[in-house]
Amino acid sequence: MGETQYEIDLGNLMAFDPHHQFASPPSSREEIVEATIEQGTKLVQAIADALFSLPSTEDPEGPIVKLPAPTTKLPREKSLPKPKPPTKWEEFAKKRGIQKRHKDKVQFDEQTGTWKRSYGYDRVNDDNDIPIIEAKATDEPGTDPFSERRKEKKSKVDKQEKNRLHNLKQAQKAGALPSHIQLAATSLPITGTKANPKKASKDELQNVAGMAATSTASGGKFDKKLPGEKAPKHDKKYRKFLPTAQGSGMGALERQQTEKVLSKLISKNSHEILNVEKAVNMYNVKNEKKQRKQKGGQSSSSLKPNKKSFKHKSPYESANKGKSGKSK
């Protein structure tokens, strides 16, 4: 049913039914969704059947199959990148037939007798490691060979940078500028086309400078300011902390802060902490009791019973009274 009815592309894990049609036009969106799910289930089952028919190798996690090459060409989301134009050196090497050769990263330095890097810091045949330079017959008397080498090196670096910028200009004209350089260059269009460059305004430059300044850990507090640069704006409120040393009024400030936090917590959860209905009932009961006491005191003030004071007599007092009666 699966392979004969559907077109299956195992390279892309896709299946397609070219003969599928609705018997009648669907009347609602739910009907379309239901039919789509049903047809999709059949296509997924056909892909699974085709996968299990391929030769597999055993693995502890299960059988593994090798997918064939895809047969369906999927369209790209974006256009193909344009080829970069060749540089002057590449054109010269192509004319002369010069091929690029691989250079070792480490070479043996005969001066120090050790293996060193070919480029970078502490490299082989470094000018700083040469204590003596032999003079040539063409050298002028009184010239410093070490300073001449430094000047020659600097001129080579400047020439290389000039060639690099020239190559970038040629690539920009052809519309093949690298994407990272497009994003870094604010004066060039992002798409790399030949559109007129948009000049950044003063406000945009200030916003970019402000974001760069506040991106540091100190928020740009200790950064060096450019001439004419203003301090970054701080829209939010600053946090205030109590001083670490004890002083006059510290207790009142701490009490105020504590009361502030408690009032916020209670106001947020007041419906959980305070039962308003119960409090109102208790207040009404207290008022009723108070009113009853006041009414009872006014009505029975004239008919107050005489209160007799019953004192507790000790047995010694009664015995003394009896003796005194007999003596009489």
Protein backbone atom coordinates (compact mmCIF):
# COMPACT_ATOMS: atom_id res chain seq x y z
CA MET A 1 0.00 0.00 0.00
CA GLY A 2 2.72 2.46 1.02
CA GLU A 3 5.45 2.52 -1.61
CA THR A 4 3.22 1.97 -4.66
CA GLN A 5 0.70 4.64 -3.68
CA TYR A 6 2.98 7.36 -2.27
CA GLU A 7 6.13 9.08 -3.52
CA ILE A 8 8.70 8.57 -0.76
CA ASP A 9 12.01 10.44 -0.44
CA LEU A 10 13.93 8.73 2.38
CA GLY A 11 16.88 11.13 2.02
CA ASN A 12 14.69 13.98 3.27
CA LEU A 13 12.28 11.68 5.22
CA MET A 14 9.40 12.94 3.09
CA ALA A 15 6.32 11.32 1.58
CA PHE A 16 3.80 12.75 -0.89
CA ASP A 17 0.47 11.52 -2.23
CA PRO A 18 -0.03 12.95 -5.76
CA HIS A 19 -3.48 11.33 -6.15
CA HIS A 20 -5.09 12.68 -2.98
CA GLN A 21 -8.30 14.64 -3.51
CA PHE A 22 -11.28 15.57 -1.39
CA ALA A 23 -14.42 13.69 -2.34
CA SER A 24 -16.44 16.83 -1.67
CA PRO A 25 -15.35 20.33 -0.69
CA PRO A 26 -15.00 20.55 3.09
CA SER A 27 -17.67 22.53 4.88
CA SER A 28 -15.68 23.53 7.99
CA ARG A 29 -12.14 23.95 9.26
CA GLU A 30 -12.54 21.01 11.65
CA GLU A 31 -13.26 18.71 8.70
CA ILE A 32 -10.07 19.87 6.92
CA VAL A 33 -7.96 19.32 10.07
CA GLU A 34 -9.42 15.84 10.61
CA ALA A 35 -8.75 14.81 6.98
CA THR A 36 -5.22 16.25 7.12
CA ILE A 37 -4.37 14.33 10.30
CA GLU A 38 -5.72 11.11 8.82
CA GLN A 39 -3.72 11.51 5.60
CA GLY A 40 -0.58 12.54 7.51
CA THR A 41 -0.80 9.41 9.64
CA LYS A 42 -0.84 7.26 6.50
CA LEU A 43 2.20 9.09 5.06
CA VAL A 44 4.22 8.71 8.28
CA GLN A 45 3.36 5.00 8.38
CA ALA A 46 4.56 4.66 4.76
CA ILE A 47 7.90 6.33 5.68
CA ALA A 48 8.31 3.98 8.66
CA ASP A 49 7.62 0.91 6.49
CA ALA A 50 10.20 2.09 3.94
CA LEU A 51 12.80 2.67 6.67
CA PHE A 52 12.38 -0.84 8.08
CA SER A 53 12.83 -2.30 4.60
CA LEU A 54 16.38 -0.82 4.32
CA PRO A 55 19.44 -2.92 5.34
CA SER A 56 20.30 -2.22 8.98
CA THR A 57 23.15 -2.81 11.42
CA GLU A 58 22.64 -3.88 15.02
CA ASP A 59 23.40 -1.46 17.85
CA PRO A 60 22.80 -1.61 21.64
CA GLU A 61 20.26 1.21 21.24
CA GLY A 62 18.52 -0.42 18.27
CA PRO A 63 18.90 -0.99 14.50
CA ILE A 64 20.66 1.73 12.49
CA VAL A 65 20.06 2.34 8.78
CA LYS A 66 21.91 4.52 6.30
CA LEU A 67 19.61 6.90 4.43
CA PRO A 68 19.98 7.14 0.65
CA ALA A 69 20.72 10.37 -1.15
CA PRO A 70 17.72 12.75 -1.31
CA THR A 71 15.82 12.87 -4.59
CA THR A 72 13.74 16.00 -3.97
CA LYS A 73 15.44 19.39 -4.35
CA LEU A 74 14.22 21.69 -1.61
CA PRO A 75 14.22 25.45 -2.24
CA ARG A 76 16.64 27.66 -0.30
CA GLU A 77 15.34 30.27 2.13
CA LYS A 78 17.93 32.81 0.94
CA SER A 79 19.80 33.31 -2.32
CA LEU A 80 23.21 31.79 -2.91
CA PRO A 81 26.13 33.93 -1.70
CA LYS A 82 27.98 35.71 -4.45
CA PRO A 83 31.54 34.51 -5.10
CA LYS A 84 34.26 36.77 -3.75
CA PRO A 85 36.36 38.48 -6.41
CA PRO A 86 39.99 37.27 -6.48
CA THR A 87 42.60 39.43 -4.82
CA LYS A 88 45.63 40.84 -6.63
CA TRP A 89 47.86 38.13 -5.20
CA GLU A 90 45.45 35.36 -6.25
CA GLU A 91 45.34 36.77 -9.80
CA PHE A 92 49.15 37.01 -9.88
CA ALA A 93 49.58 33.47 -8.51
CA LYS A 94 47.12 32.11 -11.07
CA LYS A 95 49.03 33.76 -13.94
CA ARG A 96 52.40 32.49 -12.75
CA GLY A 97 51.09 29.08 -11.68
CA ILE A 98 52.07 29.52 -8.04
CA GLN A 99 50.39 26.96 -5.79
CA LYS A 100 49.70 27.49 -2.11
CA ARG A 101 51.89 25.27 0.02
CA HIS A 102 51.34 24.18 3.58
CA LYS A 103 53.72 25.66 6.16
CA ASP A 104 54.56 24.01 9.43
CA LYS A 105 53.38 25.73 12.59
CA VAL A 106 56.61 24.86 14.45
CA GLN A 107 60.17 25.24 13.14
CA PHE A 108 63.64 24.66 14.54
CA ASP A 109 65.47 27.84 15.57
CA GLU A 110 69.22 27.47 14.96
CA GLN A 111 70.09 30.50 17.10
CA THR A 112 68.54 29.18 20.31
CA GLY A 113 68.57 25.46 19.43
CA THR A 114 64.88 24.99 20.25
CA TRP A 115 61.61 24.47 18.41
CA LYS A 116 59.52 27.64 18.12
CA ARG A 117 56.38 28.87 16.43
CA SER A 118 56.54 30.05 12.85
CA TYR A 119 54.45 33.15 13.58
CA GLY A 120 53.43 35.28 16.53
CA TYR A 121 55.04 35.78 19.91
CA ASP A 122 58.38 34.03 20.55
CA ARG A 123 58.60 32.94 16.90
CA VAL A 124 61.54 31.48 15.06
CA ASN A 125 64.23 33.91 13.82
CA ASP A 126 62.76 36.75 15.85
CA ASP A 127 64.56 40.10 15.54
CA ASN A 128 64.57 40.49 19.32
CA ASP A 129 66.67 37.31 19.68
CA ILE A 130 69.42 38.52 17.31
CA PRO A 131 72.20 40.15 19.36
CA ILE A 132 74.48 41.07 16.42
CA ILE A 133 73.70 41.96 12.81
CA GLU A 134 76.51 41.80 10.26
CA ALA A 135 77.00 45.01 8.33
CA LYS A 136 76.73 44.96 4.55
CA ALA A 137 78.94 46.75 2.07
CA THR A 138 75.96 48.81 0.89
CA ASP A 139 75.06 50.06 4.39
CA GLU A 140 75.67 53.69 5.14
CA PRO A 141 77.97 54.39 8.08
CA GLY A 142 76.22 55.47 11.28
CA THR A 143 72.87 53.79 10.55
CA ASP A 144 71.26 51.51 13.14
CA PRO A 145 70.47 48.12 11.53
CA PHE A 146 67.93 47.27 14.27
CA SER A 147 65.89 50.45 13.68
CA GLU A 148 66.09 49.85 9.93
CA ARG A 149 64.61 46.37 10.43
CA ARG A 150 61.78 47.78 12.55
CA LYS A 151 61.00 50.40 9.89
CA GLU A 152 61.02 47.74 7.17
CA LYS A 153 58.67 45.55 9.20
CA LYS A 154 56.30 48.45 9.84
CA SER A 155 56.22 49.34 6.14
CA LYS A 156 55.35 45.72 5.29
CA VAL A 157 52.50 45.72 7.82
CA ASP A 158 51.14 49.02 6.45
CA LYS A 159 51.32 47.72 2.90
CA GLN A 160 49.48 44.53 3.88
CA GLU A 161 46.72 46.54 5.60
CA LYS A 162 46.39 48.76 2.53
CA ASN A 163 46.02 45.71 0.30
CA ARG A 164 43.41 44.23 2.66
CA LEU A 165 41.29 47.38 2.56
CA HIS A 166 41.59 47.51 -1.23
CA ASN A 167 40.36 43.91 -1.48
CA LEU A 168 37.39 44.76 0.78
CA LYS A 169 36.49 47.69 -1.45
CA GLN A 170 36.54 45.47 -4.51
CA ALA A 171 34.36 42.91 -2.73
CA GLN A 172 31.93 45.63 -1.69
CA LYS A 173 31.59 46.80 -5.30
CA ALA A 174 30.81 43.23 -6.38
CA GLY A 175 28.29 42.84 -3.52
CA ALA A 176 30.25 40.00 -1.89
CA LEU A 177 31.35 41.68 1.33
CA PRO A 178 31.64 39.26 4.30
CA SER A 179 28.66 39.36 6.64
CA HIS A 180 30.68 40.11 9.78
CA ILE A 181 32.20 43.16 8.11
CA GLN A 182 28.74 44.30 6.95
CA LEU A 183 27.51 44.26 10.55
CA ALA A 184 30.64 45.97 11.87
CA ALA A 185 30.67 48.77 9.30
CA THR A 186 27.88 51.20 10.18
CA SER A 187 28.41 53.29 7.04
CA LEU A 188 27.81 50.34 4.69
CA PRO A 189 24.40 48.80 3.91
CA ILE A 190 23.71 45.54 5.76
CA THR A 191 22.68 43.68 2.59
CA GLY A 192 26.02 44.27 0.86
CA THR A 193 24.37 45.84 -2.17
CA LYS A 194 25.43 48.98 -4.00
CA ALA A 195 22.88 51.17 -2.23
CA ASN A 196 23.91 54.59 -1.02
CA PRO A 197 25.40 54.43 2.48
CA LYS A 198 23.28 55.91 5.24
CA LYS A 199 25.14 58.34 7.45
CA ALA A 200 24.57 57.78 11.16
CA SER A 201 23.00 60.73 12.95
CA LYS A 202 24.28 62.34 16.13
CA ASP A 203 21.52 60.82 18.27
CA GLU A 204 22.23 57.32 16.94
CA LEU A 205 25.93 57.68 17.68
CA GLN A 206 25.15 58.91 21.21
CA ASN A 207 22.81 55.96 21.80
CA VAL A 208 25.44 53.49 20.61
CA ALA A 209 28.12 55.14 22.78
CA GLY A 210 25.79 55.08 25.78
CA MET A 211 24.99 51.37 25.32
CA ALA A 212 28.68 50.56 24.97
CA ALA A 213 29.50 52.54 28.12
CA THR A 214 26.79 50.96 30.27
CA SER A 215 27.67 47.44 29.11
CA THR A 216 30.69 47.33 31.41
CA ALA A 217 30.52 45.99 34.95
CA SER A 218 30.77 49.49 36.45
CA GLY A 219 28.11 50.89 34.10
CA GLY A 220 30.66 53.16 32.42
CA LYS A 221 31.60 54.91 35.67
CA PHE A 222 35.36 54.39 35.29
CA ASP A 223 35.57 54.51 31.47
CA LYS A 224 37.51 57.27 29.74
CA LYS A 225 35.24 59.93 28.27
CA LEU A 226 35.63 61.11 24.70
CA PRO A 227 35.91 64.85 24.06
CA GLY A 228 32.40 66.29 24.12
CA GLU A 229 30.80 63.06 25.37
CA LYS A 230 28.06 63.48 27.96
CA ALA A 231 27.49 61.23 30.93
CA PRO A 232 25.01 58.39 30.24
CA LYS A 233 21.48 59.01 31.41
CA HIS A 234 20.19 56.91 34.30
CA ASP A 235 16.41 56.69 33.97
CA LYS A 236 15.85 54.22 36.81
CA LYS A 237 16.00 54.98 40.51
CA TYR A 238 19.18 54.37 42.47
CA ARG A 239 19.08 51.89 45.32
CA LYS A 240 19.76 53.37 48.75
CA PHE A 241 21.63 51.40 51.39
CA LEU A 242 22.03 52.15 55.08
CA PRO A 243 25.55 53.07 56.23
CA THR A 244 27.56 50.21 57.70
CA ALA A 245 28.77 52.29 60.69
CA GLN A 246 26.32 52.84 63.55
CA GLY A 247 25.33 56.45 64.12
CA SER A 248 22.56 58.65 65.46
CA GLY A 249 19.15 57.86 64.00
CA MET A 250 20.16 54.45 62.68
CA GLY A 251 17.54 52.65 64.75
CA ALA A 252 14.74 54.86 63.40
CA LEU A 253 15.85 54.31 59.79
CA GLU A 254 15.98 50.53 60.25
CA ARG A 255 12.55 50.59 61.90
CA GLN A 256 11.11 52.59 59.03
CA GLN A 257 12.51 50.17 56.45
CA THR A 258 11.22 47.14 58.38
CA GLU A 259 7.75 48.68 58.75
CA LYS A 260 7.73 49.51 55.04
CA VAL A 261 8.50 45.89 54.09
CA LEU A 262 5.91 44.51 56.53
CA SER A 263 3.21 46.90 55.33
CA LYS A 264 3.87 45.83 51.72
CA LEU A 265 3.65 42.16 52.64
CA ILE A 266 0.48 42.65 54.66
CA SER A 267 -1.17 44.75 51.94
CA LYS A 268 -0.39 42.06 49.34
CA ASN A 269 -1.67 39.16 51.48
CA SER A 270 -4.27 41.02 53.55
CA HIS A 271 -7.06 38.76 52.32
CA GLU A 272 -5.19 35.75 53.76
CA ILE A 273 -4.04 37.30 57.07
CA LEU A 274 -7.11 39.40 58.10
CA ASN A 275 -10.64 37.95 58.14
CA VAL A 276 -12.72 41.11 57.71
CA GLU A 277 -16.08 39.42 58.36
CA LYS A 278 -14.91 37.92 61.65
CA ALA A 279 -13.45 41.25 62.76
CA VAL A 280 -16.75 43.08 62.05
CA ASN A 281 -18.74 40.46 63.96
CA MET A 282 -16.44 40.72 66.98
CA TYR A 283 -16.73 44.52 66.93
CA ASN A 284 -20.56 44.33 66.83
CA VAL A 285 -20.68 41.83 69.73
CA LYS A 286 -18.45 44.06 71.87
CA ASN A 287 -20.65 47.09 71.15
CA GLU A 288 -23.83 45.17 72.09
CA LYS A 289 -22.30 43.99 75.39
CA LYS A 290 -21.22 47.53 76.20
CA GLN A 291 -24.72 48.91 75.52
CA ARG A 292 -26.34 46.20 77.67
CA LYS A 293 -24.06 47.03 80.60
CA GLN A 294 -24.85 50.73 80.32
CA LYS A 295 -28.66 50.11 80.23
CA GLY A 296 -28.55 47.64 83.16
CA GLY A 297 -26.53 50.07 85.36
CA GLN A 298 -29.00 52.96 84.82
CA SER A 299 -32.19 50.93 85.66
CA SER A 300 -30.94 49.10 88.79
CA SER A 301 -29.12 52.00 90.42
CA SER A 302 -32.10 52.72 92.88
CA LEU A 303 -32.71 49.08 93.77
CA LYS A 304 -29.21 48.17 94.80
CA PRO A 305 -29.07 45.39 97.46
CA ASN A 306 -27.18 46.06 100.71
CA LYS A 307 -24.00 44.19 100.56
CA LYS A 308 -22.90 42.60 103.85
CA SER A 309 -19.31 42.13 104.50
CA PHE A 310 -18.60 38.67 105.73
CA LYS A 311 -15.32 38.65 107.53
CA HIS A 312 -13.52 35.45 108.30
CA LYS A 313 -13.09 34.95 112.05
CA SER A 314 -10.27 32.94 113.44
CA PRO A 315 -10.91 30.31 116.28
CA TYR A 316 -8.67 32.29 118.65
CA GLU A 317 -10.97 35.33 118.51
CA SER A 318 -14.10 33.27 119.48
CA ALA A 319 -12.27 31.64 122.39
CA ASN A 320 -11.17 35.00 123.76
CA LYS A 321 -14.72 36.34 123.62
CA GLY A 322 -16.00 33.34 125.69
CA LYS A 323 -13.38 33.85 128.39
CA SER A 324 -14.19 37.50 128.75
CA GLY A 325 -17.94 36.72 129.30
CA LYS A 326 -17.21 34.23 132.08
CA SER A 327 -14.98 36.64 133.92
CA LYS A 328 -17.77 39.16 134.09
